[in-house]
Amino acid sequence: MLMFAVLIYFIGFKWLHKQTGLIGGFVVTMIGLLLEWHAYLFSLAKFRDKEIFSTTAGLIYNDLIRFKVTTFAGGGMLGALLYKPVAFLFSNIGTFLIGGLFIVLGLFLMSPWEVYDLVDFFKEKSQEWAAKNEIRKQKRFVKREEKRALAEQKRQEQAQKEEEERLAQLTVDEETGEILDGPDDNEASLFENLPAEPEASEPEILAYNQSLDDLDVPALDDEKSEITTAEQAMLDEEDDNEPLDVDFSAKANLLYKLPTIDLFAPDKPKNQSKEKIWFVRISRF
């Protein structure tokens, strides 16, 4: 395959150089394929944990002396040269992953796409995915609201049904239209079910034979005379016919006045000689 690629390169030299990234992408893809082939060779049970260069050289030598391809030699000596450091760092499974990355990178370099095209592609796909996710979210929300509305409707229907059953069990007075709580709740039963009133007991009066003259009752005239005497004394004290003394002289003006500036200590004049010296020095510069 490598010889075929070299032959095509010599034939279409000018055309290949006009295609940007085609040669570099092909080389990177071939490196990835050689790593994949050699990783597969040494993943087999009979070649596992064997020395890479000697085993690969032995397989190639056996095919050369027989002039016949009898065994799979992986990527050949070039594949062994690439596989050994990669397998040393990343093991056999890691070599498969590295080879796959090289193949993807080579195909991208050979394609007419650029990095910006790839970024725009992933951005467009992410926007489409976000839009689809939003649509699915809205659908789930609508379904959830429908279920909630259906449950609320069922609950209201059940409550209405229970209310109708309760009203059907009640007794209605045909004359007044009043709803009676029970079958005995009518005018006759209301009067019949009234609780019996307790009999009024007359208080017992003791000592019917006692005379009223023996009671010590104060005379009303004495109380009235006492009240009248006290009121008359208060009126006599208030009305003593003495003139009231009123002072109409002008009062002193007690408005508050602010203190003068003499309240503070006099300010000492500042020495400005140093400021003049600094001003002269600055003006010279």
C-alpha atoms as a PDB file:
ATOM      1  CA  MET A   1       0.000   0.000   0.000  1.00  0.00           C
ATOM      2  CA  LEU A   2       2.872   2.318   0.773  1.00  0.00           C
ATOM      3  CA  MET A   3       4.469   1.581  -2.591  1.00  0.00           C
ATOM      4  CA  PHE A   4       1.154   2.277  -4.315  1.00  0.00           C
ATOM      5  CA  ALA A   5       0.902   5.621  -2.528  1.00  0.00           C
ATOM      6  CA  VAL A   6       4.449   6.542  -3.568  1.00  0.00           C
ATOM      7  CA  LEU A   7       3.632   5.666  -7.180  1.00  0.00           C
ATOM      8  CA  ILE A   8       0.556   7.886  -7.153  1.00  0.00           C
ATOM      9  CA  TYR A   9       2.632  10.691  -5.650  1.00  0.00           C
ATOM     10  CA  PHE A  10       5.154  10.552  -8.481  1.00  0.00           C
ATOM     11  CA  ILE A  11       2.434  10.469 -11.137  1.00  0.00           C
ATOM     12  CA  GLY A  12       0.235  13.266  -9.764  1.00  0.00           C
ATOM     13  CA  PHE A  13       2.928  15.390  -8.159  1.00  0.00           C
ATOM     14  CA  LYS A  14       1.657  18.757  -9.416  1.00  0.00           C
ATOM     15  CA  TRP A  15      -1.993  18.017  -8.779  1.00  0.00           C
ATOM     16  CA  LEU A  16      -1.343  16.779  -5.227  1.00  0.00           C
ATOM     17  CA  HIS A  17       0.540  19.939  -4.315  1.00  0.00           C
ATOM     18  CA  LYS A  18      -2.380  22.058  -5.475  1.00  0.00           C
ATOM     19  CA  GLN A  19      -4.697  20.299  -3.002  1.00  0.00           C
ATOM     20  CA  THR A  20      -4.179  21.918   0.399  1.00  0.00           C
ATOM     21  CA  GLY A  21      -3.710  19.424   3.227  1.00  0.00           C
ATOM     22  CA  LEU A  22      -4.128  16.332   1.067  1.00  0.00           C
ATOM     23  CA  ILE A  23      -0.558  15.046   1.406  1.00  0.00           C
ATOM     24  CA  GLY A  24      -0.282  15.850   5.112  1.00  0.00           C
ATOM     25  CA  GLY A  25      -3.649  14.272   5.814  1.00  0.00           C
ATOM     26  CA  PHE A  26      -2.653  11.126   3.917  1.00  0.00           C
ATOM     27  CA  VAL A  27       0.604  10.808   5.894  1.00  0.00           C
ATOM     28  CA  VAL A  28      -1.210  11.238   9.235  1.00  0.00           C
ATOM     29  CA  THR A  29      -3.835   8.689   8.194  1.00  0.00           C
ATOM     30  CA  MET A  30      -1.130   6.160   7.231  1.00  0.00           C
ATOM     31  CA  ILE A  31       0.557   6.620  10.626  1.00  0.00           C
ATOM     32  CA  GLY A  32      -2.746   5.876  12.324  1.00  0.00           C
ATOM     33  CA  LEU A  33      -3.292   2.763  10.175  1.00  0.00           C
ATOM     34  CA  LEU A  34       0.227   1.435  10.900  1.00  0.00           C
ATOM     35  CA  LEU A  35      -0.369   1.881  14.641  1.00  0.00           C
ATOM     36  CA  GLU A  36      -3.726   0.113  14.422  1.00  0.00           C
ATOM     37  CA  TRP A  37      -2.308  -2.826  12.436  1.00  0.00           C
ATOM     38  CA  HIS A  38       0.652  -3.331  14.737  1.00  0.00           C
ATOM     39  CA  ALA A  39      -1.515  -2.976  17.854  1.00  0.00           C
ATOM     40  CA  TYR A  40      -3.800  -5.677  16.464  1.00  0.00           C
ATOM     41  CA  LEU A  41      -0.780  -7.936  15.713  1.00  0.00           C
ATOM     42  CA  PHE A  42       0.531  -7.779  19.270  1.00  0.00           C
ATOM     43  CA  SER A  43      -2.928  -8.142  20.776  1.00  0.00           C
ATOM     44  CA  LEU A  44      -2.994 -11.758  19.497  1.00  0.00           C
ATOM     45  CA  ALA A  45      -2.299 -14.438  22.086  1.00  0.00           C
ATOM     46  CA  LYS A  46       0.801 -15.922  20.394  1.00  0.00           C
ATOM     47  CA  PHE A  47       2.553 -12.529  19.987  1.00  0.00           C
ATOM     48  CA  ARG A  48       1.550 -10.970  23.283  1.00  0.00           C
ATOM     49  CA  ASP A  49       4.415  -9.923  25.620  1.00  0.00           C
ATOM     50  CA  LYS A  50       7.041 -10.606  22.931  1.00  0.00           C
ATOM     51  CA  GLU A  51       9.826  -8.307  21.768  1.00  0.00           C
ATOM     52  CA  ILE A  52       8.463  -6.003  19.055  1.00  0.00           C
ATOM     53  CA  PHE A  53      11.377  -5.555  16.617  1.00  0.00           C
ATOM     54  CA  SER A  54      12.649  -9.141  16.644  1.00  0.00           C
ATOM     55  CA  THR A  55       9.165 -10.632  16.293  1.00  0.00           C
ATOM     56  CA  THR A  56       8.239  -8.314  13.407  1.00  0.00           C
ATOM     57  CA  ALA A  57      11.574  -8.914  11.659  1.00  0.00           C
ATOM     58  CA  GLY A  58      11.150 -12.699  11.998  1.00  0.00           C
ATOM     59  CA  LEU A  59       7.688 -12.601  10.398  1.00  0.00           C
ATOM     60  CA  ILE A  60       8.920 -10.497   7.478  1.00  0.00           C
ATOM     61  CA  TYR A  61      12.026 -12.702   6.967  1.00  0.00           C
ATOM     62  CA  ASN A  62       9.928 -15.904   6.812  1.00  0.00           C
ATOM     63  CA  ASP A  63       7.718 -14.384   4.115  1.00  0.00           C
ATOM     64  CA  LEU A  64      10.718 -13.148   2.111  1.00  0.00           C
ATOM     65  CA  ILE A  65      12.578 -16.481   1.985  1.00  0.00           C
ATOM     66  CA  ARG A  66       9.412 -18.269   0.914  1.00  0.00           C
ATOM     67  CA  PHE A  67       8.376 -15.577  -1.567  1.00  0.00           C
ATOM     68  CA  LYS A  68       4.897 -15.930  -0.159  1.00  0.00           C
ATOM     69  CA  VAL A  69       2.818 -14.032   2.367  1.00  0.00           C
ATOM     70  CA  THR A  70       1.822 -16.578   5.000  1.00  0.00           C
ATOM     71  CA  THR A  71       1.416 -14.511   8.173  1.00  0.00           C
ATOM     72  CA  PHE A  72       0.156 -11.045   9.063  1.00  0.00           C
ATOM     73  CA  ALA A  73       3.108  -8.749   9.836  1.00  0.00           C
ATOM     74  CA  GLY A  74       1.114  -5.743  11.077  1.00  0.00           C
ATOM     75  CA  GLY A  75       2.592  -2.439   9.974  1.00  0.00           C
ATOM     76  CA  GLY A  76       5.972  -3.917   9.126  1.00  0.00           C
ATOM     77  CA  MET A  77       9.185  -2.474  10.478  1.00  0.00           C
ATOM     78  CA  LEU A  78       7.850   1.077  10.122  1.00  0.00           C
ATOM     79  CA  GLY A  79       4.804   0.079  12.154  1.00  0.00           C
ATOM     80  CA  ALA A  80       7.070  -1.537  14.761  1.00  0.00           C
ATOM     81  CA  LEU A  81       9.111   1.682  14.943  1.00  0.00           C
ATOM     82  CA  LEU A  82       5.947   3.723  15.589  1.00  0.00           C
ATOM     83  CA  TYR A  83       4.255   1.164  17.831  1.00  0.00           C
ATOM     84  CA  LYS A  84       7.045   0.571  20.358  1.00  0.00           C
ATOM     85  CA  PRO A  85       7.186   4.073  21.993  1.00  0.00           C
ATOM     86  CA  VAL A  86       3.401   4.481  21.888  1.00  0.00           C
ATOM     87  CA  ALA A  87       2.817   1.039  23.445  1.00  0.00           C
ATOM     88  CA  PHE A  88       5.449   1.799  26.080  1.00  0.00           C
ATOM     89  CA  LEU A  89       3.574   4.975  27.109  1.00  0.00           C
ATOM     90  CA  PHE A  90      -0.066   4.001  26.582  1.00  0.00           C
ATOM     91  CA  SER A  91      -0.090   0.155  26.425  1.00  0.00           C
ATOM     92  CA  ASN A  92      -1.762  -1.838  23.671  1.00  0.00           C
ATOM     93  CA  ILE A  93      -5.283  -0.475  24.251  1.00  0.00           C
ATOM     94  CA  GLY A  94      -3.969   3.090  24.343  1.00  0.00           C
ATOM     95  CA  THR A  95      -2.264   2.484  20.995  1.00  0.00           C
ATOM     96  CA  PHE A  96      -5.631   1.620  19.452  1.00  0.00           C
ATOM     97  CA  LEU A  97      -7.037   4.930  20.702  1.00  0.00           C
ATOM     98  CA  ILE A  98      -4.028   6.951  19.496  1.00  0.00           C
ATOM     99  CA  GLY A  99      -4.202   5.299  16.080  1.00  0.00           C
ATOM    100  CA  GLY A 100      -7.907   6.123  15.809  1.00  0.00           C
ATOM    101  CA  LEU A 101      -7.221   9.778  16.631  1.00  0.00           C
ATOM    102  CA  PHE A 102      -4.520   9.910  13.948  1.00  0.00           C
ATOM    103  CA  ILE A 103      -6.918   8.466  11.379  1.00  0.00           C
ATOM    104  CA  VAL A 104      -9.651  10.990  12.230  1.00  0.00           C
ATOM    105  CA  LEU A 105      -7.166  13.864  12.088  1.00  0.00           C
ATOM    106  CA  GLY A 106      -5.809  12.703   8.732  1.00  0.00           C
ATOM    107  CA  LEU A 107      -9.275  12.442   7.221  1.00  0.00           C
ATOM    108  CA  PHE A 108     -10.097  15.928   8.483  1.00  0.00           C
ATOM    109  CA  LEU A 109      -6.914  17.333   6.926  1.00  0.00           C
ATOM    110  CA  MET A 110      -7.721  15.700   3.587  1.00  0.00           C
ATOM    111  CA  SER A 111     -11.284  17.049   3.646  1.00  0.00           C
ATOM    112  CA  PRO A 112     -12.135  20.550   2.315  1.00  0.00           C
ATOM    113  CA  TRP A 113     -13.338  21.590   5.768  1.00  0.00           C
ATOM    114  CA  GLU A 114     -11.561  24.042   8.042  1.00  0.00           C
ATOM    115  CA  VAL A 115     -11.534  24.446  11.785  1.00  0.00           C
ATOM    116  CA  TYR A 116     -14.098  27.254  11.611  1.00  0.00           C
ATOM    117  CA  ASP A 117     -16.395  25.070   9.532  1.00  0.00           C
ATOM    118  CA  LEU A 118     -16.105  22.344  12.135  1.00  0.00           C
ATOM    119  CA  VAL A 119     -16.853  24.806  14.940  1.00  0.00           C
ATOM    120  CA  ASP A 120     -19.881  26.163  13.068  1.00  0.00           C
ATOM    121  CA  PHE A 121     -21.078  22.622  12.418  1.00  0.00           C
ATOM    122  CA  PHE A 122     -20.920  21.648  16.084  1.00  0.00           C
ATOM    123  CA  LYS A 123     -22.501  24.968  17.093  1.00  0.00           C
ATOM    124  CA  GLU A 124     -25.394  24.413  14.699  1.00  0.00           C
ATOM    125  CA  LYS A 125     -25.882  20.858  15.947  1.00  0.00           C
ATOM    126  CA  SER A 126     -25.810  22.033  19.554  1.00  0.00           C
ATOM    127  CA  GLN A 127     -28.460  24.673  18.801  1.00  0.00           C
ATOM    128  CA  GLU A 128     -30.629  22.070  17.081  1.00  0.00           C
ATOM    129  CA  TRP A 129     -30.216  19.756  20.046  1.00  0.00           C
ATOM    130  CA  ALA A 130     -31.108  22.580  22.458  1.00  0.00           C
ATOM    131  CA  ALA A 131     -34.220  23.441  20.399  1.00  0.00           C
ATOM    132  CA  LYS A 132     -35.337  19.804  20.341  1.00  0.00           C
ATOM    133  CA  ASN A 133     -34.681  19.514  24.055  1.00  0.00           C
ATOM    134  CA  GLU A 134     -36.785  22.642  24.674  1.00  0.00           C
ATOM    135  CA  ILE A 135     -39.623  21.211  22.575  1.00  0.00           C
ATOM    136  CA  ARG A 136     -39.486  17.944  24.514  1.00  0.00           C
ATOM    137  CA  LYS A 137     -39.480  19.881  27.774  1.00  0.00           C
ATOM    138  CA  GLN A 138     -42.549  21.874  26.716  1.00  0.00           C
ATOM    139  CA  LYS A 139     -44.338  18.683  25.686  1.00  0.00           C
ATOM    140  CA  ARG A 140     -43.573  17.123  29.064  1.00  0.00           C
ATOM    141  CA  PHE A 141     -44.833  20.275  30.780  1.00  0.00           C
ATOM    142  CA  VAL A 142     -48.077  20.224  28.754  1.00  0.00           C
ATOM    143  CA  LYS A 143     -48.628  16.548  29.575  1.00  0.00           C
ATOM    144  CA  ARG A 144     -47.974  17.195  33.249  1.00  0.00           C
ATOM    145  CA  GLU A 145     -50.436  20.102  33.262  1.00  0.00           C
ATOM    146  CA  GLU A 146     -53.045  17.974  31.480  1.00  0.00           C
ATOM    147  CA  LYS A 147     -52.653  15.243  34.081  1.00  0.00           C
ATOM    148  CA  ARG A 148     -52.944  17.795  36.862  1.00  0.00           C
ATOM    149  CA  ALA A 149     -56.065  19.360  35.309  1.00  0.00           C
ATOM    150  CA  LEU A 150     -57.615  15.911  34.823  1.00  0.00           C
ATOM    151  CA  ALA A 151     -56.908  14.993  38.446  1.00  0.00           C
ATOM    152  CA  GLU A 152     -58.405  18.305  39.612  1.00  0.00           C
ATOM    153  CA  GLN A 153     -61.495  17.707  37.473  1.00  0.00           C
ATOM    154  CA  LYS A 154     -61.924  14.218  38.902  1.00  0.00           C
ATOM    155  CA  ARG A 155     -61.545  15.581  42.414  1.00  0.00           C
ATOM    156  CA  GLN A 156     -64.193  18.249  41.794  1.00  0.00           C
ATOM    157  CA  GLU A 157     -66.564  15.696  40.263  1.00  0.00           C
ATOM    158  CA  GLN A 158     -66.068  13.411  43.261  1.00  0.00           C
ATOM    159  CA  ALA A 159     -66.712  16.298  45.673  1.00  0.00           C
ATOM    160  CA  GLN A 160     -69.828  17.320  43.730  1.00  0.00           C
ATOM    161  CA  LYS A 161     -71.078  13.747  43.739  1.00  0.00           C
ATOM    162  CA  GLU A 162     -70.557  13.465  47.495  1.00  0.00           C
ATOM    163  CA  GLU A 163     -72.387  16.774  48.009  1.00  0.00           C
ATOM    164  CA  GLU A 164     -75.314  15.591  45.910  1.00  0.00           C
ATOM    165  CA  GLU A 165     -75.503  12.354  47.889  1.00  0.00           C
ATOM    166  CA  ARG A 166     -75.441  14.308  51.146  1.00  0.00           C
ATOM    167  CA  LEU A 167     -78.212  16.643  49.959  1.00  0.00           C
ATOM    168  CA  ALA A 168     -80.291  13.671  48.792  1.00  0.00           C
ATOM    169  CA  GLN A 169     -80.173  12.227  52.300  1.00  0.00           C
ATOM    170  CA  LEU A 170     -81.422  15.458  53.903  1.00  0.00           C
ATOM    171  CA  THR A 171     -85.123  16.175  54.622  1.00  0.00           C
ATOM    172  CA  VAL A 172     -86.660  19.344  53.150  1.00  0.00           C
ATOM    173  CA  ASP A 173     -89.694  21.068  54.677  1.00  0.00           C
ATOM    174  CA  GLU A 174     -92.311  21.315  51.899  1.00  0.00           C
ATOM    175  CA  GLU A 175     -93.963  24.446  53.339  1.00  0.00           C
ATOM    176  CA  THR A 176     -90.910  26.605  54.068  1.00  0.00           C
ATOM    177  CA  GLY A 177     -88.258  24.883  51.925  1.00  0.00           C
ATOM    178  CA  GLU A 178     -85.944  24.664  54.953  1.00  0.00           C
ATOM    179  CA  ILE A 179     -83.425  21.836  55.003  1.00  0.00           C
ATOM    180  CA  LEU A 180     -83.917  19.688  58.072  1.00  0.00           C
ATOM    181  CA  ASP A 181     -80.898  17.920  59.506  1.00  0.00           C
ATOM    182  CA  GLY A 182     -82.800  14.749  60.451  1.00  0.00           C
ATOM    183  CA  PRO A 183     -86.117  13.004  59.967  1.00  0.00           C
ATOM    184  CA  ASP A 184     -87.306  14.235  63.388  1.00  0.00           C
ATOM    185  CA  ASP A 185     -86.351  17.828  62.606  1.00  0.00           C
ATOM    186  CA  ASN A 186     -89.846  19.345  62.109  1.00  0.00           C
ATOM    187  CA  GLU A 187     -92.081  21.706  64.065  1.00  0.00           C
ATOM    188  CA  ALA A 188     -93.649  19.000  66.212  1.00  0.00           C
ATOM    189  CA  SER A 189     -90.341  17.397  67.017  1.00  0.00           C
ATOM    190  CA  LEU A 190     -88.796  20.777  67.798  1.00  0.00           C
ATOM    191  CA  PHE A 191     -91.387  21.425  70.480  1.00  0.00           C
ATOM    192  CA  GLU A 192     -91.216  17.871  71.717  1.00  0.00           C
ATOM    193  CA  ASN A 193     -87.438  17.893  71.996  1.00  0.00           C
ATOM    194  CA  LEU A 194     -87.279  21.064  74.054  1.00  0.00           C
ATOM    195  CA  PRO A 195     -85.605  20.463  77.417  1.00  0.00           C
ATOM    196  CA  ALA A 196     -87.840  20.585  80.426  1.00  0.00           C
ATOM    197  CA  GLU A 197     -87.618  23.870  82.269  1.00  0.00           C
ATOM    198  CA  PRO A 198     -86.821  23.592  85.957  1.00  0.00           C
ATOM    199  CA  GLU A 199     -89.628  24.547  88.307  1.00  0.00           C
ATOM    200  CA  ALA A 200     -89.225  28.019  89.773  1.00  0.00           C
ATOM    201  CA  SER A 201     -88.721  27.780  93.489  1.00  0.00           C
ATOM    202  CA  GLU A 202     -89.924  30.610  95.701  1.00  0.00           C
ATOM    203  CA  PRO A 203     -87.312  31.822  98.176  1.00  0.00           C
ATOM    204  CA  GLU A 204     -88.138  30.931 101.702  1.00  0.00           C
ATOM    205  CA  ILE A 205     -88.780  33.858 103.980  1.00  0.00           C
ATOM    206  CA  LEU A 206     -87.660  33.343 107.505  1.00  0.00           C
ATOM    207  CA  ALA A 207     -88.934  35.042 110.642  1.00  0.00           C
ATOM    208  CA  TYR A 208     -92.420  36.068 109.511  1.00  0.00           C
ATOM    209  CA  ASN A 209     -93.282  37.022 113.095  1.00  0.00           C
ATOM    210  CA  GLN A 210     -90.337  39.443 113.542  1.00  0.00           C
ATOM    211  CA  SER A 211     -91.408  43.093 114.010  1.00  0.00           C
ATOM    212  CA  LEU A 212     -90.049  45.833 111.697  1.00  0.00           C
ATOM    213  CA  ASP A 213     -89.713  48.223 114.617  1.00  0.00           C
ATOM    214  CA  ASP A 214     -86.708  46.356 115.928  1.00  0.00           C
ATOM    215  CA  LEU A 215     -84.633  47.101 112.755  1.00  0.00           C
ATOM    216  CA  ASP A 216     -82.084  49.925 113.047  1.00  0.00           C
ATOM    217  CA  VAL A 217     -82.782  52.047 109.935  1.00  0.00           C
ATOM    218  CA  PRO A 218     -81.166  55.509 109.684  1.00  0.00           C
ATOM    219  CA  ALA A 219     -83.519  58.393 109.075  1.00  0.00           C
ATOM    220  CA  LEU A 220     -83.506  59.976 105.612  1.00  0.00           C
ATOM    221  CA  ASP A 221     -83.866  63.475 106.993  1.00  0.00           C
ATOM    222  CA  ASP A 222     -80.608  63.191 108.941  1.00  0.00           C
ATOM    223  CA  GLU A 223     -78.640  62.153 105.796  1.00  0.00           C
ATOM    224  CA  LYS A 224     -80.142  64.972 103.791  1.00  0.00           C
ATOM    225  CA  SER A 225     -79.226  67.491 106.504  1.00  0.00           C
ATOM    226  CA  GLU A 226     -75.617  66.240 106.619  1.00  0.00           C
ATOM    227  CA  ILE A 227     -75.183  66.560 102.848  1.00  0.00           C
ATOM    228  CA  THR A 228     -76.730  70.000 102.835  1.00  0.00           C
ATOM    229  CA  THR A 229     -74.400  71.229 105.591  1.00  0.00           C
ATOM    230  CA  ALA A 230     -71.243  70.070 103.729  1.00  0.00           C
ATOM    231  CA  GLU A 231     -72.324  71.672 100.455  1.00  0.00           C
ATOM    232  CA  GLN A 232     -73.102  74.932 102.215  1.00  0.00           C
ATOM    233  CA  ALA A 233     -69.632  74.988 103.800  1.00  0.00           C
ATOM    234  CA  MET A 234     -67.960  74.595 100.386  1.00  0.00           C
ATOM    235  CA  LEU A 235     -70.038  77.385  98.898  1.00  0.00           C
ATOM    236  CA  ASP A 236     -69.143  79.686 101.811  1.00  0.00           C
ATOM    237  CA  GLU A 237     -65.433  79.032 101.278  1.00  0.00           C
ATOM    238  CA  GLU A 238     -65.645  79.817  97.544  1.00  0.00           C
ATOM    239  CA  ASP A 239     -67.757  82.971  97.939  1.00  0.00           C
ATOM    240  CA  ASP A 240     -65.697  85.015 100.492  1.00  0.00           C
ATOM    241  CA  ASN A 241     -66.263  88.405  98.680  1.00  0.00           C
ATOM    242  CA  GLU A 242     -62.490  89.076  98.338  1.00  0.00           C
ATOM    243  CA  PRO A 243     -61.182  90.836  95.143  1.00  0.00           C
ATOM    244  CA  LEU A 244     -58.820  88.877  92.817  1.00  0.00           C
ATOM    245  CA  ASP A 245     -55.299  90.317  92.317  1.00  0.00           C
ATOM    246  CA  VAL A 246     -54.133  90.282  88.657  1.00  0.00           C
ATOM    247  CA  ASP A 247     -50.597  91.470  87.645  1.00  0.00           C
ATOM    248  CA  PHE A 248     -50.663  93.253  84.242  1.00  0.00           C
ATOM    249  CA  SER A 249     -46.958  94.394  84.230  1.00  0.00           C
ATOM    250  CA  ALA A 250     -44.749  93.541  81.166  1.00  0.00           C
ATOM    251  CA  LYS A 251     -42.487  90.553  81.506  1.00  0.00           C
ATOM    252  CA  ALA A 252     -38.785  90.541  80.646  1.00  0.00           C
ATOM    253  CA  ASN A 253     -37.781  89.379  77.131  1.00  0.00           C
ATOM    254  CA  LEU A 254     -36.285  85.949  77.679  1.00  0.00           C
ATOM    255  CA  LEU A 255     -35.415  85.154  74.022  1.00  0.00           C
ATOM    256  CA  TYR A 256     -32.152  83.230  73.538  1.00  0.00           C
ATOM    257  CA  LYS A 257     -29.246  85.094  71.913  1.00  0.00           C
ATOM    258  CA  LEU A 258     -26.285  83.445  70.142  1.00  0.00           C
ATOM    259  CA  PRO A 259     -22.824  84.083  71.639  1.00  0.00           C
ATOM    260  CA  THR A 260     -20.453  86.476  69.831  1.00  0.00           C
ATOM    261  CA  ILE A 261     -17.128  85.591  68.203  1.00  0.00           C
ATOM    262  CA  ASP A 262     -15.336  86.739  71.337  1.00  0.00           C
ATOM    263  CA  LEU A 263     -16.262  83.401  72.858  1.00  0.00           C
ATOM    264  CA  PHE A 264     -13.388  81.697  70.954  1.00  0.00           C
ATOM    265  CA  ALA A 265      -9.662  82.316  71.469  1.00  0.00           C
ATOM    266  CA  PRO A 266      -8.017  84.669  68.914  1.00  0.00           C
ATOM    267  CA  ASP A 267      -6.352  82.878  65.946  1.00  0.00           C
ATOM    268  CA  LYS A 268      -2.567  83.158  65.747  1.00  0.00           C
ATOM    269  CA  PRO A 269      -1.172  84.359  62.377  1.00  0.00           C
ATOM    270  CA  LYS A 270       0.722  81.694  60.409  1.00  0.00           C
ATOM    271  CA  ASN A 271       4.314  82.080  59.279  1.00  0.00           C
ATOM    272  CA  GLN A 272       4.336  81.977  55.446  1.00  0.00           C
ATOM    273  CA  SER A 273       8.038  82.590  54.916  1.00  0.00           C
ATOM    274  CA  LYS A 274       8.707  78.917  54.110  1.00  0.00           C
ATOM    275  CA  GLU A 275       5.943  78.905  51.538  1.00  0.00           C
ATOM    276  CA  LYS A 276       7.496  81.918  49.798  1.00  0.00           C
ATOM    277  CA  ILE A 277      10.904  80.171  49.690  1.00  0.00           C
ATOM    278  CA  TRP A 278       9.399  77.037  48.122  1.00  0.00           C
ATOM    279  CA  PHE A 279       7.482  79.144  45.580  1.00  0.00           C
ATOM    280  CA  VAL A 280      10.723  80.916  44.528  1.00  0.00           C
ATOM    281  CA  ARG A 281      12.550  77.591  44.129  1.00  0.00           C
ATOM    282  CA  ILE A 282       9.767  76.075  42.056  1.00  0.00           C
ATOM    283  CA  SER A 283       9.586  79.167  39.801  1.00  0.00           C
ATOM    284  CA  ARG A 284      13.323  78.892  39.128  1.00  0.00           C
ATOM    285  CA  PHE A 285      12.943  75.332  37.865  1.00  0.00           C
END
